[in-house]
Amino acid sequence: MTLDARGPGYDRKARRQRMGGNGSEHFDEVDGSSEFFIYVAPNMSTKGYDGLKSFLNGLGCEVEFPAVAPLSPGPRHQAVKITNAGELIPSAGLKRAHAWAHTHSFLHSFFKPLTAKES
């Protein structure tokens, strides 16, 4: 993730510019998650949320909004929680949710359970 345009060497306009992209540069870190949280910033558009939720529900995923999240970037942020009944979230659903978060410049977090190979 690149945050250089938000550093002290840039003016306010450059720091506030959306830099979301589509998230493909680090999707490999997110893939294999059993929980995925998207933090919706105050006063930001959630355009496309209904389509995302329908797609995820079609894959058998559970989508909660607003949800209680283990982390929160701020008191006014609301969280979207995506799970799959304790199983891994299907890659197609995770990829779409992750891209949606990036295109809206929403912060996100995830939980990947340890596998026998990693422990």
Foldseek 3Di string as FASTA:
>chain_A
DDQVQLDPVHDPVSNPDQDQAQQPVCVVVAAQFQKKKWWADPPFDLPPVVVLCVVQVVQQKDWDWQDDDPDHPDPRIGMIMIGRVRGTRDSVSSSVVSRSSSVRVIDMDTHHDDDPVRD
